[in-house]
Amino acid sequence: MRFGVRFSFLSLLVGVLVAFAAPAVAQGAVGIEKFVAVNCEEGHETCGEEPGPATLFGPTGVPKEPSKKEAEESGYTQAGGHVPFGVTDFKVTTVVTVKPLATTEAPTAIIKHLRTDVAPGLATSPAAVPQCSGAEFGEAEVLPKSGLFLSPTCSAETEIGKNEVTVYAGATAGDVPISGKVYNLVQREGLPLSSALR
């Protein structure tokens, strides 16, 4: 059984580009501009999303609360069923900059860690999906304290979702879309479920 997950974190700020974040007048405007959490039918992987601005690095998506009609067409409503796609999507509050275009948006906050808790029945049972070992995932850094890891060698059966992130890379580069697979890892002692992104 596979459970598709899409987490989009729009307009995140790369840590080294803090200086480009936002004008001082907007520093009090930190928050979440848009937030969507929906369960979707098979074939509606982009529910809760609308096309965002094109970037130098590819297309981006923007969270969109579905209309009643869209929710009825794409939403998963079977009580006790297995949700094919769960989407949690948000956009950090942004301000308009003048570089390189007047429509460029810069985030007003930096997000370093995010935790998403899902309701009982929506989380994948760790025993229902094959598991990837820590060694296969590549849990050891190539160089200690470098933050550099090798690509996972996990089998496709251990994949339980994906994360899509749009990172703000400064006024010149703008938004950069990044995505990664989420794997079901062998459970660590004392934890009910272990998953990781790479």
N, C-alpha and C. Protein backbone atom coordinates (compact mmCIF):
# COMPACT_ATOMS: atom_id res chain seq x y z
N MET A 1 0.84 -1.18 0.00
CA MET A 1 0.00 0.00 0.00
C MET A 1 0.88 1.24 0.00
N ARG A 2 0.52 2.22 -0.79
CA ARG A 2 1.27 3.47 -0.83
C ARG A 2 0.37 4.62 -0.45
N PHE A 3 0.91 5.54 0.26
CA PHE A 3 0.17 6.74 0.65
C PHE A 3 0.91 7.93 0.08
N GLY A 4 0.30 8.59 -0.88
CA GLY A 4 0.97 9.74 -1.48
C GLY A 4 0.86 10.95 -0.59
N VAL A 5 1.93 11.64 -0.42
CA VAL A 5 1.96 12.83 0.41
C VAL A 5 2.63 13.94 -0.36
N ARG A 6 2.05 15.12 -0.33
CA ARG A 6 2.71 16.26 -0.93
C ARG A 6 2.74 17.37 0.12
N PHE A 7 3.91 17.75 0.53
CA PHE A 7 4.07 18.90 1.42
C PHE A 7 4.73 19.98 0.59
N SER A 8 4.13 21.12 0.49
CA SER A 8 4.76 22.22 -0.23
C SER A 8 5.01 23.35 0.75
N PHE A 9 6.20 23.84 0.76
CA PHE A 9 6.55 24.93 1.66
C PHE A 9 7.02 26.06 0.77
N LEU A 10 6.09 26.92 0.41
CA LEU A 10 6.38 27.94 -0.57
C LEU A 10 7.13 29.12 0.03
N SER A 11 8.04 29.62 -0.74
CA SER A 11 8.81 30.81 -0.38
C SER A 11 9.59 30.65 0.91
N LEU A 12 10.24 29.52 1.08
CA LEU A 12 11.16 29.37 2.22
C LEU A 12 12.43 30.13 1.90
N LEU A 13 13.11 30.56 2.90
CA LEU A 13 14.31 31.35 2.69
C LEU A 13 15.54 30.52 2.97
N VAL A 14 16.47 30.50 2.06
CA VAL A 14 17.74 29.82 2.27
C VAL A 14 18.48 30.56 3.38
N GLY A 15 18.99 29.81 4.36
CA GLY A 15 19.60 30.41 5.54
C GLY A 15 20.67 31.43 5.26
N VAL A 16 21.50 31.23 4.25
CA VAL A 16 22.58 32.16 3.99
C VAL A 16 22.11 33.44 3.34
N LEU A 17 20.86 33.50 2.94
CA LEU A 17 20.34 34.68 2.27
C LEU A 17 19.42 35.50 3.16
N VAL A 18 19.65 35.42 4.47
CA VAL A 18 18.81 36.14 5.42
C VAL A 18 18.75 37.63 5.11
N ALA A 19 19.82 38.17 4.63
CA ALA A 19 19.87 39.61 4.36
C ALA A 19 18.87 40.05 3.31
N PHE A 20 18.44 39.13 2.46
CA PHE A 20 17.50 39.47 1.40
C PHE A 20 16.04 39.30 1.83
N ALA A 21 15.80 38.89 3.04
CA ALA A 21 14.45 38.47 3.45
C ALA A 21 13.37 39.49 3.18
N ALA A 22 13.38 40.62 3.83
CA ALA A 22 12.29 41.57 3.66
C ALA A 22 12.72 42.93 4.19
N PRO A 23 12.12 43.98 3.68
CA PRO A 23 12.42 45.30 4.21
C PRO A 23 12.07 45.39 5.70
N ALA A 24 12.75 46.25 6.41
CA ALA A 24 12.54 46.38 7.85
C ALA A 24 11.10 46.72 8.18
N VAL A 25 10.41 47.45 7.33
CA VAL A 25 9.02 47.83 7.62
C VAL A 25 8.09 46.62 7.63
N ALA A 26 8.48 45.55 6.98
CA ALA A 26 7.60 44.39 6.90
C ALA A 26 7.95 43.31 7.92
N GLN A 27 8.95 43.53 8.75
CA GLN A 27 9.40 42.49 9.67
C GLN A 27 8.31 42.04 10.64
N GLY A 28 7.33 42.87 10.91
CA GLY A 28 6.25 42.48 11.80
C GLY A 28 5.20 41.63 11.12
N ALA A 29 5.31 41.39 9.82
CA ALA A 29 4.27 40.69 9.06
C ALA A 29 4.54 39.20 8.92
N VAL A 30 5.34 38.60 9.81
CA VAL A 30 5.67 37.18 9.71
C VAL A 30 4.42 36.34 9.98
N GLY A 31 4.23 35.30 9.19
CA GLY A 31 3.10 34.41 9.40
C GLY A 31 2.89 33.51 8.21
N ILE A 32 1.74 32.85 8.19
CA ILE A 32 1.35 31.98 7.10
C ILE A 32 0.32 32.72 6.26
N GLU A 33 0.64 32.93 5.00
CA GLU A 33 -0.24 33.65 4.08
C GLU A 33 -1.38 32.77 3.58
N LYS A 34 -1.06 31.50 3.25
CA LYS A 34 -2.07 30.55 2.77
C LYS A 34 -1.78 29.19 3.40
N PHE A 35 -2.84 28.45 3.71
CA PHE A 35 -2.69 27.11 4.27
C PHE A 35 -3.81 26.23 3.75
N VAL A 36 -3.47 25.03 3.28
CA VAL A 36 -4.45 24.08 2.77
C VAL A 36 -4.08 22.69 3.27
N ALA A 37 -5.05 21.94 3.76
CA ALA A 37 -4.86 20.54 4.12
C ALA A 37 -6.06 19.77 3.58
N VAL A 38 -5.83 18.88 2.62
CA VAL A 38 -6.91 18.15 1.97
C VAL A 38 -6.53 16.69 1.73
N ASN A 39 -7.55 15.84 1.60
CA ASN A 39 -7.38 14.45 1.20
C ASN A 39 -7.95 14.31 -0.19
N CYS A 40 -7.19 13.66 -1.09
CA CYS A 40 -7.56 13.65 -2.50
C CYS A 40 -7.72 12.24 -3.05
N GLU A 41 -8.60 12.13 -4.05
CA GLU A 41 -8.81 10.89 -4.78
C GLU A 41 -7.61 10.58 -5.67
N GLU A 42 -7.46 9.33 -6.03
CA GLU A 42 -6.46 8.92 -7.02
C GLU A 42 -6.70 9.70 -8.31
N GLY A 43 -5.63 10.17 -8.93
CA GLY A 43 -5.76 10.94 -10.16
C GLY A 43 -5.90 12.44 -9.95
N HIS A 44 -5.93 12.87 -8.69
CA HIS A 44 -6.06 14.30 -8.37
C HIS A 44 -4.88 14.73 -7.50
N GLU A 45 -3.67 14.39 -7.95
CA GLU A 45 -2.47 14.66 -7.16
C GLU A 45 -2.19 16.14 -6.96
N THR A 46 -2.77 17.00 -7.77
CA THR A 46 -2.53 18.44 -7.62
C THR A 46 -3.69 19.16 -6.95
N CYS A 47 -4.57 18.41 -6.29
CA CYS A 47 -5.67 19.09 -5.60
C CYS A 47 -5.09 19.99 -4.50
N GLY A 48 -5.76 21.07 -4.21
CA GLY A 48 -5.27 22.02 -3.22
C GLY A 48 -4.11 22.85 -3.71
N GLU A 49 -3.94 22.92 -5.03
CA GLU A 49 -2.80 23.65 -5.59
C GLU A 49 -3.23 24.33 -6.88
N GLU A 50 -2.68 25.50 -7.11
CA GLU A 50 -2.88 26.17 -8.39
C GLU A 50 -1.51 26.57 -8.91
N PRO A 51 -1.39 26.74 -10.23
CA PRO A 51 -0.09 27.13 -10.77
C PRO A 51 0.39 28.45 -10.18
N GLY A 52 1.65 28.47 -9.81
CA GLY A 52 2.26 29.69 -9.30
C GLY A 52 3.06 30.36 -10.40
N PRO A 53 3.81 31.35 -10.05
CA PRO A 53 4.61 32.05 -11.06
C PRO A 53 5.70 31.15 -11.63
N ALA A 54 5.98 31.32 -12.90
CA ALA A 54 7.09 30.59 -13.52
C ALA A 54 8.39 31.16 -12.97
N THR A 55 9.37 30.30 -12.83
CA THR A 55 10.67 30.75 -12.32
C THR A 55 11.76 30.35 -13.31
N LEU A 56 12.95 30.83 -13.07
CA LEU A 56 14.09 30.45 -13.89
C LEU A 56 14.36 28.95 -13.81
N PHE A 57 13.93 28.32 -12.70
CA PHE A 57 14.26 26.93 -12.43
C PHE A 57 13.09 25.98 -12.63
N GLY A 58 11.97 26.47 -13.13
CA GLY A 58 10.82 25.60 -13.38
C GLY A 58 9.55 26.14 -12.76
N PRO A 59 8.43 25.44 -12.98
CA PRO A 59 7.14 25.91 -12.46
C PRO A 59 7.03 25.71 -10.96
N THR A 60 6.20 26.52 -10.35
CA THR A 60 5.93 26.40 -8.92
C THR A 60 4.43 26.27 -8.74
N GLY A 61 4.01 25.79 -7.58
CA GLY A 61 2.60 25.71 -7.24
C GLY A 61 2.33 26.57 -6.03
N VAL A 62 1.08 27.01 -5.90
CA VAL A 62 0.66 27.85 -4.80
C VAL A 62 -0.53 27.18 -4.12
N PRO A 63 -0.57 27.16 -2.78
CA PRO A 63 -1.71 26.54 -2.10
C PRO A 63 -3.02 27.21 -2.52
N LYS A 64 -4.06 26.40 -2.71
CA LYS A 64 -5.37 26.93 -3.09
C LYS A 64 -6.44 26.13 -2.38
N GLU A 65 -7.26 26.82 -1.62
CA GLU A 65 -8.38 26.15 -0.98
C GLU A 65 -9.37 25.76 -2.06
N PRO A 66 -9.74 24.47 -2.13
CA PRO A 66 -10.65 24.06 -3.19
C PRO A 66 -12.05 24.63 -3.00
N SER A 67 -12.71 24.91 -4.11
CA SER A 67 -14.11 25.33 -4.06
C SER A 67 -14.96 24.13 -3.68
N LYS A 68 -16.22 24.33 -3.39
CA LYS A 68 -17.12 23.22 -3.05
C LYS A 68 -17.14 22.21 -4.19
N LYS A 69 -17.24 22.69 -5.42
CA LYS A 69 -17.28 21.81 -6.58
C LYS A 69 -15.98 21.01 -6.70
N GLU A 70 -14.83 21.67 -6.55
CA GLU A 70 -13.54 20.99 -6.63
C GLU A 70 -13.39 19.96 -5.53
N ALA A 71 -13.84 20.30 -4.32
CA ALA A 71 -13.76 19.37 -3.20
C ALA A 71 -14.61 18.12 -3.46
N GLU A 72 -15.78 18.30 -4.04
CA GLU A 72 -16.64 17.16 -4.35
C GLU A 72 -16.06 16.29 -5.46
N GLU A 73 -15.38 16.91 -6.42
CA GLU A 73 -14.80 16.17 -7.54
C GLU A 73 -13.51 15.44 -7.18
N SER A 74 -12.66 16.06 -6.39
CA SER A 74 -11.34 15.49 -6.14
C SER A 74 -11.11 15.02 -4.71
N GLY A 75 -11.97 15.41 -3.78
CA GLY A 75 -11.77 15.04 -2.38
C GLY A 75 -12.07 13.59 -2.10
N TYR A 76 -11.33 13.01 -1.17
CA TYR A 76 -11.55 11.63 -0.75
C TYR A 76 -12.48 11.65 0.44
N THR A 77 -13.62 10.97 0.34
CA THR A 77 -14.65 11.05 1.39
C THR A 77 -15.07 9.70 1.96
N GLN A 78 -14.43 8.62 1.56
CA GLN A 78 -14.82 7.28 2.02
C GLN A 78 -14.43 7.09 3.49
N ALA A 79 -15.43 6.98 4.35
CA ALA A 79 -15.16 6.76 5.77
C ALA A 79 -14.45 5.42 5.96
N GLY A 80 -13.37 5.42 6.70
CA GLY A 80 -12.63 4.20 6.97
C GLY A 80 -11.79 3.71 5.81
N GLY A 81 -11.75 4.48 4.71
CA GLY A 81 -10.97 4.07 3.54
C GLY A 81 -9.51 4.47 3.69
N HIS A 82 -8.74 4.13 2.68
CA HIS A 82 -7.32 4.47 2.66
C HIS A 82 -7.12 5.65 1.71
N VAL A 83 -6.78 6.79 2.25
CA VAL A 83 -6.63 8.02 1.48
C VAL A 83 -5.44 7.89 0.53
N PRO A 84 -5.67 8.05 -0.79
CA PRO A 84 -4.55 7.94 -1.73
C PRO A 84 -3.56 9.09 -1.63
N PHE A 85 -4.06 10.32 -1.45
CA PHE A 85 -3.18 11.49 -1.39
C PHE A 85 -3.63 12.43 -0.28
N GLY A 86 -2.73 12.71 0.64
CA GLY A 86 -2.96 13.71 1.68
C GLY A 86 -2.05 14.89 1.39
N VAL A 87 -2.60 16.07 1.38
CA VAL A 87 -1.83 17.26 1.02
C VAL A 87 -1.87 18.27 2.16
N THR A 88 -0.69 18.69 2.59
CA THR A 88 -0.55 19.81 3.52
C THR A 88 0.32 20.82 2.79
N ASP A 89 -0.21 22.00 2.56
CA ASP A 89 0.47 22.98 1.71
C ASP A 89 0.32 24.35 2.34
N PHE A 90 1.40 25.11 2.44
CA PHE A 90 1.28 26.47 2.96
C PHE A 90 2.29 27.39 2.31
N LYS A 91 2.01 28.67 2.44
CA LYS A 91 2.90 29.70 1.91
C LYS A 91 3.19 30.69 3.04
N VAL A 92 4.47 30.94 3.25
CA VAL A 92 4.89 31.92 4.24
C VAL A 92 4.50 33.31 3.74
N THR A 93 4.13 34.19 4.65
CA THR A 93 3.80 35.57 4.28
C THR A 93 4.97 36.19 3.52
N THR A 94 4.66 36.86 2.43
CA THR A 94 5.70 37.46 1.60
C THR A 94 5.47 38.95 1.42
N VAL A 95 6.50 39.62 0.96
CA VAL A 95 6.41 41.03 0.59
C VAL A 95 6.92 41.17 -0.84
N VAL A 96 6.41 42.13 -1.57
CA VAL A 96 6.85 42.36 -2.94
C VAL A 96 8.13 43.17 -2.91
N THR A 97 9.12 42.71 -3.68
CA THR A 97 10.38 43.43 -3.80
C THR A 97 10.43 44.09 -5.17
N VAL A 98 11.45 44.82 -5.45
CA VAL A 98 11.59 45.47 -6.76
C VAL A 98 12.70 44.85 -7.60
N LYS A 99 13.34 43.80 -7.08
CA LYS A 99 14.44 43.17 -7.81
C LYS A 99 14.14 41.70 -8.02
N PRO A 100 14.37 41.08 -9.15
CA PRO A 100 14.68 41.75 -10.41
C PRO A 100 13.44 42.32 -11.08
N LEU A 101 12.25 41.86 -10.64
CA LEU A 101 10.99 42.38 -11.19
C LEU A 101 10.14 42.95 -10.07
N ALA A 102 9.25 43.81 -10.42
CA ALA A 102 8.37 44.41 -9.41
C ALA A 102 7.45 43.39 -8.76
N THR A 103 7.27 42.23 -9.38
CA THR A 103 6.38 41.21 -8.83
C THR A 103 7.12 40.13 -8.04
N THR A 104 8.42 40.27 -7.83
CA THR A 104 9.16 39.28 -7.07
C THR A 104 8.73 39.33 -5.61
N GLU A 105 8.48 38.16 -5.03
CA GLU A 105 8.07 38.07 -3.63
C GLU A 105 9.22 37.53 -2.79
N ALA A 106 9.41 38.13 -1.62
CA ALA A 106 10.41 37.64 -0.67
C ALA A 106 9.70 37.23 0.61
N PRO A 107 10.08 36.10 1.23
CA PRO A 107 9.42 35.66 2.46
C PRO A 107 9.79 36.54 3.64
N THR A 108 8.90 36.57 4.63
CA THR A 108 9.15 37.36 5.83
C THR A 108 9.62 36.49 7.00
N ALA A 109 9.86 35.20 6.74
CA ALA A 109 10.28 34.31 7.81
C ALA A 109 11.19 33.22 7.25
N ILE A 110 11.92 32.60 8.15
CA ILE A 110 12.77 31.46 7.82
C ILE A 110 12.20 30.25 8.54
N ILE A 111 12.02 29.15 7.81
CA ILE A 111 11.54 27.92 8.44
C ILE A 111 12.67 26.90 8.37
N LYS A 112 13.09 26.43 9.55
CA LYS A 112 14.16 25.45 9.60
C LYS A 112 13.62 24.06 9.86
N HIS A 113 12.55 23.95 10.60
CA HIS A 113 11.98 22.65 10.95
C HIS A 113 10.46 22.73 10.80
N LEU A 114 9.87 21.64 10.35
CA LEU A 114 8.42 21.57 10.20
C LEU A 114 7.96 20.19 10.64
N ARG A 115 6.93 20.15 11.43
CA ARG A 115 6.33 18.88 11.86
C ARG A 115 4.88 18.89 11.44
N THR A 116 4.45 17.81 10.79
CA THR A 116 3.06 17.67 10.38
C THR A 116 2.50 16.42 11.02
N ASP A 117 1.49 16.56 11.85
CA ASP A 117 0.82 15.41 12.46
C ASP A 117 -0.46 15.15 11.69
N VAL A 118 -0.69 13.90 11.34
CA VAL A 118 -1.91 13.55 10.62
C VAL A 118 -2.82 12.77 11.55
N ALA A 119 -4.11 12.79 11.24
CA ALA A 119 -5.10 12.12 12.07
C ALA A 119 -4.94 10.61 12.01
N PRO A 120 -5.40 9.90 13.06
CA PRO A 120 -5.37 8.44 13.02
C PRO A 120 -6.11 7.96 11.77
N GLY A 121 -5.56 6.95 11.12
CA GLY A 121 -6.19 6.44 9.91
C GLY A 121 -5.60 7.04 8.64
N LEU A 122 -4.91 8.17 8.77
CA LEU A 122 -4.29 8.80 7.60
C LEU A 122 -2.81 8.47 7.49
N ALA A 123 -2.19 8.13 8.61
CA ALA A 123 -0.77 7.78 8.59
C ALA A 123 -0.60 6.37 8.06
N THR A 124 0.43 6.16 7.27
CA THR A 124 0.73 4.83 6.75
C THR A 124 1.22 3.94 7.88
N SER A 125 0.68 2.75 7.96
CA SER A 125 1.17 1.79 8.94
C SER A 125 2.58 1.39 8.53
N PRO A 126 3.55 1.52 9.43
CA PRO A 126 4.92 1.16 9.05
C PRO A 126 5.07 -0.31 8.68
N ALA A 127 4.16 -1.15 9.14
CA ALA A 127 4.24 -2.57 8.83
C ALA A 127 3.59 -2.89 7.47
N ALA A 128 2.81 -1.95 6.91
CA ALA A 128 2.11 -2.21 5.66
C ALA A 128 2.96 -1.92 4.43
N VAL A 129 4.05 -1.22 4.61
CA VAL A 129 4.92 -0.82 3.50
C VAL A 129 6.32 -1.36 3.78
N PRO A 130 7.01 -1.89 2.77
CA PRO A 130 8.39 -2.32 2.99
C PRO A 130 9.23 -1.17 3.56
N GLN A 131 10.23 -1.53 4.34
CA GLN A 131 11.04 -0.53 5.02
C GLN A 131 12.45 -0.45 4.46
N CYS A 132 13.00 0.73 4.51
CA CYS A 132 14.36 1.00 4.07
C CYS A 132 15.25 1.11 5.31
N SER A 133 16.40 0.46 5.28
CA SER A 133 17.30 0.54 6.43
C SER A 133 18.01 1.89 6.45
N GLY A 134 18.53 2.24 7.61
CA GLY A 134 19.28 3.49 7.73
C GLY A 134 20.50 3.51 6.83
N ALA A 135 21.14 2.36 6.68
CA ALA A 135 22.32 2.28 5.80
C ALA A 135 21.93 2.52 4.35
N GLU A 136 20.79 1.92 3.91
CA GLU A 136 20.32 2.14 2.54
C GLU A 136 19.92 3.59 2.32
N PHE A 137 19.33 4.19 3.35
CA PHE A 137 18.91 5.59 3.23
C PHE A 137 20.11 6.52 3.18
N GLY A 138 21.20 6.10 3.80
CA GLY A 138 22.40 6.93 3.81
C GLY A 138 22.41 7.88 4.98
N GLU A 139 22.17 7.33 6.18
CA GLU A 139 22.04 8.18 7.37
C GLU A 139 23.38 8.72 7.88
N ALA A 140 24.48 8.20 7.36
CA ALA A 140 25.79 8.69 7.80
C ALA A 140 26.29 9.77 6.84
N GLU A 141 26.77 10.86 7.40
CA GLU A 141 27.33 11.94 6.58
C GLU A 141 28.60 11.47 5.86
N VAL A 142 28.82 11.97 4.66
CA VAL A 142 30.04 11.64 3.92
C VAL A 142 31.25 12.17 4.68
N LEU A 143 31.17 13.39 5.14
CA LEU A 143 32.17 14.00 6.01
C LEU A 143 31.46 14.45 7.27
N PRO A 144 31.94 14.06 8.45
CA PRO A 144 31.27 14.44 9.69
C PRO A 144 31.02 15.95 9.78
N LYS A 145 29.82 16.30 10.21
CA LYS A 145 29.38 17.68 10.42
C LYS A 145 29.35 18.52 9.13
N SER A 146 29.29 17.84 7.97
CA SER A 146 29.26 18.58 6.70
C SER A 146 27.85 18.80 6.19
N GLY A 147 26.89 17.95 6.64
CA GLY A 147 25.54 18.01 6.11
C GLY A 147 25.44 17.40 4.73
N LEU A 148 26.48 16.71 4.29
CA LEU A 148 26.52 16.10 2.96
C LEU A 148 26.29 14.59 3.09
N PHE A 149 25.26 14.11 2.36
CA PHE A 149 24.90 12.69 2.40
C PHE A 149 24.86 12.14 0.98
N LEU A 150 25.09 10.84 0.84
CA LEU A 150 24.95 10.18 -0.45
C LEU A 150 23.48 9.96 -0.75
N SER A 151 23.13 9.78 -2.02
CA SER A 151 21.75 9.51 -2.41
C SER A 151 21.32 8.16 -1.83
N PRO A 152 20.03 8.05 -1.45
CA PRO A 152 19.54 6.78 -0.92
C PRO A 152 19.58 5.67 -1.97
N THR A 153 19.72 4.46 -1.50
CA THR A 153 19.61 3.29 -2.37
C THR A 153 18.38 2.48 -1.99
N CYS A 154 17.42 3.11 -1.35
CA CYS A 154 16.17 2.45 -0.93
C CYS A 154 15.41 1.97 -2.16
N SER A 155 14.72 0.85 -2.03
CA SER A 155 13.92 0.34 -3.14
C SER A 155 12.67 1.21 -3.32
N ALA A 156 12.10 1.18 -4.51
CA ALA A 156 10.92 1.99 -4.82
C ALA A 156 9.75 1.62 -3.92
N GLU A 157 9.67 0.37 -3.46
CA GLU A 157 8.56 -0.08 -2.62
C GLU A 157 8.54 0.61 -1.25
N THR A 158 9.68 1.18 -0.83
CA THR A 158 9.74 1.84 0.48
C THR A 158 9.34 3.31 0.40
N GLU A 159 9.10 3.82 -0.81
CA GLU A 159 8.73 5.22 -0.98
C GLU A 159 7.27 5.41 -0.56
N ILE A 160 7.02 6.39 0.32
CA ILE A 160 5.65 6.62 0.81
C ILE A 160 5.13 8.01 0.46
N GLY A 161 5.88 8.81 -0.24
CA GLY A 161 5.40 10.13 -0.61
C GLY A 161 6.50 10.98 -1.17
N LYS A 162 6.21 12.26 -1.27
CA LYS A 162 7.22 13.20 -1.74
C LYS A 162 6.97 14.55 -1.10
N ASN A 163 8.02 15.31 -1.00
CA ASN A 163 7.94 16.70 -0.54
C ASN A 163 8.32 17.59 -1.69
N GLU A 164 7.57 18.66 -1.86
CA GLU A 164 7.88 19.67 -2.86
C GLU A 164 8.03 21.00 -2.12
N VAL A 165 9.14 21.65 -2.33
CA VAL A 165 9.45 22.89 -1.63
C VAL A 165 9.86 23.94 -2.65
N THR A 166 9.41 25.15 -2.45
CA THR A 166 9.90 26.27 -3.24
C THR A 166 10.75 27.12 -2.31
N VAL A 167 12.02 27.22 -2.60
CA VAL A 167 12.97 27.94 -1.76
C VAL A 167 13.27 29.29 -2.40
N TYR A 168 13.17 30.35 -1.61
CA TYR A 168 13.54 31.67 -2.09
C TYR A 168 15.05 31.79 -2.00
N ALA A 169 15.70 32.00 -3.15
CA ALA A 169 17.16 32.02 -3.21
C ALA A 169 17.71 33.42 -3.44
N GLY A 170 17.03 34.42 -2.95
CA GLY A 170 17.50 35.79 -3.07
C GLY A 170 16.87 36.52 -4.23
N ALA A 171 17.08 37.84 -4.25
CA ALA A 171 16.42 38.69 -5.23
C ALA A 171 16.81 38.38 -6.67
N THR A 172 18.02 37.92 -6.89
CA THR A 172 18.47 37.65 -8.25
C THR A 172 17.91 36.33 -8.78
N ALA A 173 17.99 35.27 -7.99
CA ALA A 173 17.53 33.95 -8.43
C ALA A 173 16.03 33.76 -8.24
N GLY A 174 15.44 34.39 -7.21
CA GLY A 174 14.02 34.23 -6.95
C GLY A 174 13.70 32.86 -6.37
N ASP A 175 12.53 32.30 -6.74
CA ASP A 175 12.09 31.02 -6.21
C ASP A 175 12.72 29.86 -6.97
N VAL A 176 13.11 28.83 -6.21
CA VAL A 176 13.70 27.63 -6.79
C VAL A 176 12.89 26.42 -6.30
N PRO A 177 12.21 25.70 -7.21
CA PRO A 177 11.46 24.51 -6.79
C PRO A 177 12.40 23.32 -6.57
N ILE A 178 12.18 22.60 -5.46
CA ILE A 178 12.98 21.43 -5.10
C ILE A 178 12.00 20.34 -4.68
N SER A 179 12.30 19.10 -5.01
CA SER A 179 11.45 18.01 -4.54
C SER A 179 12.31 16.85 -4.08
N GLY A 180 11.74 16.01 -3.23
CA GLY A 180 12.45 14.85 -2.73
C GLY A 180 11.48 13.76 -2.33
N LYS A 181 11.94 12.51 -2.37
CA LYS A 181 11.11 11.37 -2.00
C LYS A 181 11.14 11.15 -0.50
N VAL A 182 10.02 10.66 0.05
CA VAL A 182 9.92 10.31 1.46
C VAL A 182 9.89 8.78 1.55
N TYR A 183 10.76 8.22 2.38
CA TYR A 183 10.87 6.77 2.50
C TYR A 183 10.41 6.28 3.87
N ASN A 184 9.85 5.07 3.91
CA ASN A 184 9.48 4.41 5.15
C ASN A 184 10.73 3.72 5.67
N LEU A 185 11.27 4.23 6.77
CA LEU A 185 12.51 3.69 7.33
C LEU A 185 12.22 2.65 8.40
N VAL A 186 13.18 1.77 8.62
CA VAL A 186 13.08 0.81 9.71
C VAL A 186 12.89 1.61 10.99
N GLN A 187 11.92 1.19 11.78
CA GLN A 187 11.58 1.94 12.98
C GLN A 187 12.72 1.96 13.98
N ARG A 188 12.92 3.14 14.54
CA ARG A 188 13.91 3.28 15.60
C ARG A 188 13.26 2.93 16.92
N GLU A 189 14.05 2.50 17.84
CA GLU A 189 13.56 2.09 19.15
C GLU A 189 12.71 3.19 19.79
N GLY A 190 11.49 2.85 20.19
CA GLY A 190 10.62 3.79 20.89
C GLY A 190 9.78 4.69 20.00
N LEU A 191 9.94 4.60 18.67
CA LEU A 191 9.15 5.43 17.76
C LEU A 191 8.16 4.56 16.99
N PRO A 192 6.90 5.03 16.83
CA PRO A 192 5.91 4.23 16.13
C PRO A 192 6.10 4.22 14.62
N LEU A 193 6.71 5.25 14.06
CA LEU A 193 6.87 5.36 12.61
C LEU A 193 8.10 6.20 12.32
N SER A 194 8.88 5.78 11.38
CA SER A 194 10.04 6.56 10.97
C SER A 194 9.97 6.77 9.48
N SER A 195 10.05 8.01 9.07
CA SER A 195 10.13 8.32 7.64
C SER A 195 11.11 9.46 7.48
N ALA A 196 11.70 9.53 6.31
CA ALA A 196 12.69 10.57 6.08
C ALA A 196 12.66 10.98 4.63
N LEU A 197 13.08 12.20 4.39
CA LEU A 197 13.08 12.80 3.06
C LEU A 197 14.50 12.90 2.54
N ARG A 198 14.67 12.59 1.27
CA ARG A 198 15.93 12.90 0.61
C ARG A 198 15.67 12.96 -0.86
